[in-house]
């Protein structure tokens, strides 16, 4: 197959993936009330069940960071097309999240012909595992990172004279970044799996740099969460677990490669 043929094939994979995203986005666009009132603005409501859950958990640890949560801020749209633009881009984001497994499928269909039969066999669960990790990350971002960030940023005040009036795009951007970033961070084991297979990463490398990775995780947790130990632990623990799982996966890949090279 010539280079032009590869480009043509790639174009059709992109077109089909785009159609899937747009189709899901249209459904989200039509369901505006659910998309915004229930999902997007859910974490701004004091009865959002995550706050109750976090309140109980933090109380057991001796903290009360998430109890009696009230938000005294307003969300405003300061441009004529602000709400319409937010509606469109939020729908597209939702469409991408929902269509993520199919996007991965199209990506896999494009690269799989260039793989050996053994590589295709070993990567058989790529779409399922990657999608599962992504959705777990999205849920973690929505139900944990978003409430933590909104609880802190929405109630933070430098003086009583200052009233919080947040821009609509600023708020949605926070939710979008929290959800998508968490989704992609949870892909770490998959990334490490393939980096190990191509020889760019080893278990020893990951273990040697574990302390630096832990520092980075704690810094990220400190930036996106309120400045208390409970919040930082809640965010840091899953990422640390993912890193440990990645080390285990890398070790398994190396072990299988050695067994394969030693077999007659």
Protein backbone atom coordinates (compact mmCIF):
# COMPACT_ATOMS: atom_id res chain seq x y z
CA UNK A 1 0.00 0.00 0.00
CA UNK A 2 1.41 3.38 -1.03
CA UNK A 3 1.78 6.40 1.26
CA UNK A 4 -1.20 8.08 -0.44
CA UNK A 5 -3.32 4.98 0.15
CA UNK A 6 -2.37 5.05 3.84
CA UNK A 7 -3.42 8.69 4.04
CA UNK A 8 -6.71 7.90 2.35
CA UNK A 9 -7.36 5.05 4.78
CA UNK A 10 -6.47 7.30 7.72
CA UNK A 11 -8.85 9.94 6.40
CA UNK A 12 -11.77 7.51 6.46
CA UNK A 13 -10.91 6.32 9.97
CA UNK A 14 -10.90 9.95 11.13
CA UNK A 15 -14.19 10.64 9.32
CA UNK A 16 -15.92 7.65 10.94
CA UNK A 17 -14.58 8.58 14.39
CA UNK A 18 -15.73 12.17 13.88
CA UNK A 19 -19.21 10.99 12.86
CA UNK A 20 -19.43 8.96 16.08
CA UNK A 21 -18.38 11.96 18.19
CA UNK A 22 -20.79 14.32 16.42
CA UNK A 23 -23.66 11.82 16.75
CA UNK A 24 -23.11 11.53 20.51
CA UNK A 25 -22.69 15.31 20.72
CA UNK A 26 -26.07 15.84 19.02
CA UNK A 27 -27.75 13.64 21.62
CA UNK A 28 -26.08 15.67 24.36
CA UNK A 29 -27.06 18.93 22.64
CA UNK A 30 -30.71 17.87 22.56
CA UNK A 31 -30.64 16.80 26.21
CA UNK A 32 -29.57 20.25 27.39
CA UNK A 33 -31.35 20.06 30.76
CA UNK A 34 -29.67 16.81 31.74
CA UNK A 35 -26.32 17.90 30.35
CA UNK A 36 -26.17 21.18 32.26
CA UNK A 37 -28.60 21.10 35.20
CA UNK A 38 -27.78 17.55 36.24
CA UNK A 39 -24.22 16.94 35.07
CA UNK A 40 -22.30 20.19 34.56
CA UNK A 41 -23.81 22.14 37.46
CA UNK A 42 -24.31 19.10 39.70
CA UNK A 43 -21.09 19.72 41.69
CA UNK A 44 -22.25 23.28 42.52
CA UNK A 45 -25.21 21.97 44.52
CA UNK A 46 -24.74 21.40 48.23
CA UNK A 47 -26.77 18.16 48.04
CA UNK A 48 -24.41 16.65 45.47
CA UNK A 49 -23.98 13.19 46.99
CA UNK A 50 -20.18 13.29 46.74
CA UNK A 51 -20.05 16.04 49.36
CA UNK A 52 -22.00 13.90 51.79
CA UNK A 53 -19.75 10.92 51.10
CA UNK A 54 -16.57 12.98 51.47
CA UNK A 55 -17.94 14.61 54.63
CA UNK A 56 -18.41 11.21 56.26
CA UNK A 57 -15.00 9.98 55.11
CA UNK A 58 -13.15 13.13 56.20
CA UNK A 59 -14.92 13.10 59.58
CA UNK A 60 -13.52 9.63 60.22
CA UNK A 61 -10.04 11.04 59.55
CA UNK A 62 -10.61 14.00 61.84
CA UNK A 63 -11.29 16.62 59.14
CA UNK A 64 -14.43 18.53 58.28
CA UNK A 65 -13.37 20.09 54.97
CA UNK A 66 -16.43 18.89 53.07
CA UNK A 67 -19.14 19.27 55.69
CA UNK A 68 -21.74 22.05 55.57
CA UNK A 69 -20.83 22.85 51.96
CA UNK A 70 -22.47 26.03 50.68
CA UNK A 71 -21.62 27.97 47.54
CA UNK A 72 -22.18 31.71 47.50
CA UNK A 73 -21.12 32.45 43.95
CA UNK A 74 -22.86 33.13 40.67
CA UNK A 75 -22.04 31.90 37.20
CA UNK A 76 -22.47 34.48 34.46
CA UNK A 77 -22.18 34.59 30.69
CA UNK A 78 -20.52 37.84 29.64
CA UNK A 79 -20.76 37.54 25.86
CA UNK A 80 -23.74 37.38 23.51
CA UNK A 81 -22.79 33.97 22.16
CA UNK A 82 -21.37 32.71 25.45
CA UNK A 83 -24.14 30.29 26.38
CA UNK A 84 -24.59 28.98 22.85
CA UNK A 85 -20.84 28.45 22.46
CA UNK A 86 -20.68 26.71 25.84
CA UNK A 87 -23.59 24.49 24.81
CA UNK A 88 -21.84 23.43 21.60
CA UNK A 89 -18.39 22.76 23.07
CA UNK A 90 -19.76 21.00 26.13
CA UNK A 91 -21.82 18.74 23.86
CA UNK A 92 -18.72 17.97 21.77
CA UNK A 93 -16.76 17.12 24.91
CA UNK A 94 -19.56 14.82 26.06
CA UNK A 95 -19.67 13.28 22.58
CA UNK A 96 -15.95 12.55 22.69
CA UNK A 97 -16.22 10.89 26.10
CA UNK A 98 -19.14 8.70 25.04
CA UNK A 99 -17.60 7.83 21.66
CA UNK A 100 -14.12 7.19 23.11
CA UNK A 101 -14.29 3.37 22.70
CA UNK A 102 -15.24 3.74 19.03
CA UNK A 103 -12.48 6.31 18.47
CA UNK A 104 -10.04 3.77 19.92
CA UNK A 105 -11.54 1.10 17.66
CA UNK A 106 -10.89 3.21 14.55
CA UNK A 107 -7.35 3.93 15.76
CA UNK A 108 -6.79 0.21 16.30
CA UNK A 109 -8.19 -0.68 12.88
CA UNK A 110 -5.68 1.71 11.31
CA UNK A 111 -2.55 0.45 13.09
CA UNK A 112 -3.38 -3.26 13.43
CA UNK A 113 -2.52 -4.23 9.80
CA UNK A 114 1.06 -3.12 10.49
CA UNK A 115 1.44 -5.38 13.52
CA UNK A 116 2.62 -8.97 13.67
CA UNK A 117 0.05 -11.64 14.44
CA UNK A 118 1.55 -12.16 17.91
CA UNK A 119 1.37 -8.41 18.61
CA UNK A 120 -2.28 -8.30 17.58
CA UNK A 121 -2.97 -11.30 19.82
CA UNK A 122 -1.22 -9.74 22.83
CA UNK A 123 -3.11 -6.47 22.31
CA UNK A 124 -6.52 -8.09 21.90
CA UNK A 125 -8.00 -6.39 24.96
CA UNK A 126 -6.59 -2.95 24.11
CA UNK A 127 -9.93 -1.29 23.35
CA UNK A 128 -11.80 -2.77 26.32
CA UNK A 129 -9.09 -2.09 28.92
CA UNK A 130 -8.28 1.39 27.60
CA UNK A 131 -11.95 2.36 27.53
CA UNK A 132 -12.54 0.98 31.02
CA UNK A 133 -9.58 2.90 32.46
CA UNK A 134 -10.66 6.08 30.67
CA UNK A 135 -14.22 5.88 32.00
CA UNK A 136 -12.98 5.18 35.53
CA UNK A 137 -10.76 8.24 35.23
CA UNK A 138 -13.65 10.35 33.93
CA UNK A 139 -15.82 9.28 36.87
CA UNK A 140 -12.98 10.01 39.28
CA UNK A 141 -12.51 13.45 37.74
CA UNK A 142 -16.22 14.25 37.91
CA UNK A 143 -17.07 12.83 41.32
CA UNK A 144 -13.81 13.59 43.14
CA UNK A 145 -11.58 16.18 41.45
CA UNK A 146 -14.43 18.50 40.40
CA UNK A 147 -16.09 18.66 43.85
CA UNK A 148 -12.71 19.19 45.52
CA UNK A 149 -11.77 22.00 43.15
CA UNK A 150 -15.18 23.69 43.23
CA UNK A 151 -15.43 23.34 47.00
CA UNK A 152 -12.10 25.16 47.40
CA UNK A 153 -12.12 27.69 44.56
CA UNK A 154 -15.83 28.46 44.88
CA UNK A 155 -15.60 29.31 48.57
CA UNK A 156 -12.13 30.88 48.69
CA UNK A 157 -12.09 34.56 49.58
CA UNK A 158 -9.34 37.13 50.17
CA UNK A 159 -11.73 39.68 51.69
CA UNK A 160 -15.42 40.07 52.50
CA UNK A 161 -15.65 42.91 49.99
CA UNK A 162 -14.94 40.54 47.09
CA UNK A 163 -17.88 38.57 45.68
CA UNK A 164 -17.30 35.59 43.41
CA UNK A 165 -18.95 35.92 40.01
CA UNK A 166 -17.46 33.28 37.73
CA UNK A 167 -17.57 33.27 33.97
CA UNK A 168 -19.53 30.39 32.42
CA UNK A 169 -16.62 29.33 30.21
CA UNK A 170 -14.24 29.44 33.19
CA UNK A 171 -16.45 27.10 35.19
CA UNK A 172 -17.08 24.69 32.31
CA UNK A 173 -13.36 24.76 31.51
CA UNK A 174 -12.62 23.61 35.06
CA UNK A 175 -15.08 20.73 34.79
CA UNK A 176 -13.84 19.77 31.33
CA UNK A 177 -10.17 19.85 32.33
CA UNK A 178 -10.79 17.85 35.50
CA UNK A 179 -12.76 15.15 33.69
CA UNK A 180 -10.58 14.77 30.59
CA UNK A 181 -7.26 15.07 32.43
CA UNK A 182 -8.32 12.39 34.91
CA UNK A 183 -9.49 10.16 32.07
CA UNK A 184 -6.15 10.39 30.28
CA UNK A 185 -4.10 10.05 33.50
CA UNK A 186 -5.85 6.75 34.15
CA UNK A 187 -4.46 5.53 30.81
CA UNK A 188 -1.01 5.40 32.44
CA UNK A 189 -0.88 1.56 32.70
CA UNK A 190 -1.69 1.24 28.98
CA UNK A 191 0.97 3.80 28.06
CA UNK A 192 3.58 2.05 30.21
CA UNK A 193 2.62 -1.31 28.68
CA UNK A 194 3.43 -0.15 25.14
CA UNK A 195 6.47 1.91 26.15
CA UNK A 196 7.88 -1.21 27.81
CA UNK A 197 7.17 -3.35 24.74
CA UNK A 198 9.17 -0.98 22.51
CA UNK A 199 12.01 -0.76 25.03
CA UNK A 200 11.62 2.86 26.12
CA UNK A 201 10.70 2.03 29.73
CA UNK A 202 11.81 -0.70 32.14
CA UNK A 203 10.57 -1.72 35.61
CA UNK A 204 13.93 -0.66 37.10
CA UNK A 205 13.58 2.79 35.55
CA UNK A 206 10.09 3.19 37.00
CA UNK A 207 11.21 2.00 40.45
CA UNK A 208 14.28 4.27 40.46
CA UNK A 209 12.13 7.28 39.65
CA UNK A 210 9.25 6.34 41.94
CA UNK A 211 10.18 8.94 44.55
CA UNK A 212 10.22 11.68 41.91
CA UNK A 213 6.89 10.48 40.55
CA UNK A 214 5.45 10.59 44.07
CA UNK A 215 6.61 14.19 44.50
CA UNK A 216 5.00 15.14 41.18
CA UNK A 217 1.75 13.43 42.21
CA UNK A 218 1.69 15.30 45.52
CA UNK A 219 2.38 18.61 43.77
CA UNK A 220 -0.47 18.00 41.31
CA UNK A 221 -2.78 17.01 44.16
CA UNK A 222 -1.83 20.16 46.07
CA UNK A 223 -2.53 22.37 43.05
CA UNK A 224 -5.97 21.01 42.12
CA UNK A 225 -7.32 20.39 45.63
CA UNK A 226 -7.85 22.41 48.80
CA UNK A 227 -4.73 22.81 50.97
CA UNK A 228 -5.58 20.12 53.50
CA UNK A 229 -4.21 16.63 53.92
CA UNK A 230 -7.51 14.79 53.40
CA UNK A 231 -8.12 16.28 49.94
CA UNK A 232 -4.58 15.65 48.76
CA UNK A 233 -4.66 12.05 49.96
CA UNK A 234 -7.98 11.41 48.18
CA UNK A 235 -6.53 12.56 44.85
CA UNK A 236 -3.02 11.16 45.28
CA UNK A 237 -3.87 7.59 46.30
CA UNK A 238 -5.44 6.45 42.97
CA UNK A 239 -2.56 7.94 40.96
CA UNK A 240 0.03 6.26 43.18
CA UNK A 241 -1.83 2.96 42.77
CA UNK A 242 -1.82 3.44 38.99
CA UNK A 243 1.94 4.00 39.08
CA UNK A 244 2.47 0.82 41.10
CA UNK A 245 0.24 -1.12 38.71
CA UNK A 246 2.27 0.28 35.82
CA UNK A 247 5.48 -1.05 37.41
CA UNK A 248 3.88 -4.49 37.74
CA UNK A 249 2.69 -4.41 34.13
CA UNK A 250 6.15 -3.38 32.93
CA UNK A 251 7.70 -6.26 34.90
CA UNK A 252 5.27 -8.76 33.35
CA UNK A 253 6.02 -7.50 29.83
CA UNK A 254 9.78 -7.81 30.37
CA UNK A 255 9.36 -11.31 31.83
CA UNK A 256 7.33 -12.48 28.84
CA UNK A 257 9.85 -10.99 26.42
CA UNK A 258 12.68 -12.87 28.15
CA UNK A 259 10.72 -16.13 28.11
CA UNK A 260 10.00 -15.69 24.42
CA UNK A 261 13.64 -14.96 23.57
CA UNK A 262 14.86 -17.98 25.57
CA UNK A 263 12.35 -20.42 24.07
CA UNK A 264 13.68 -22.51 21.13
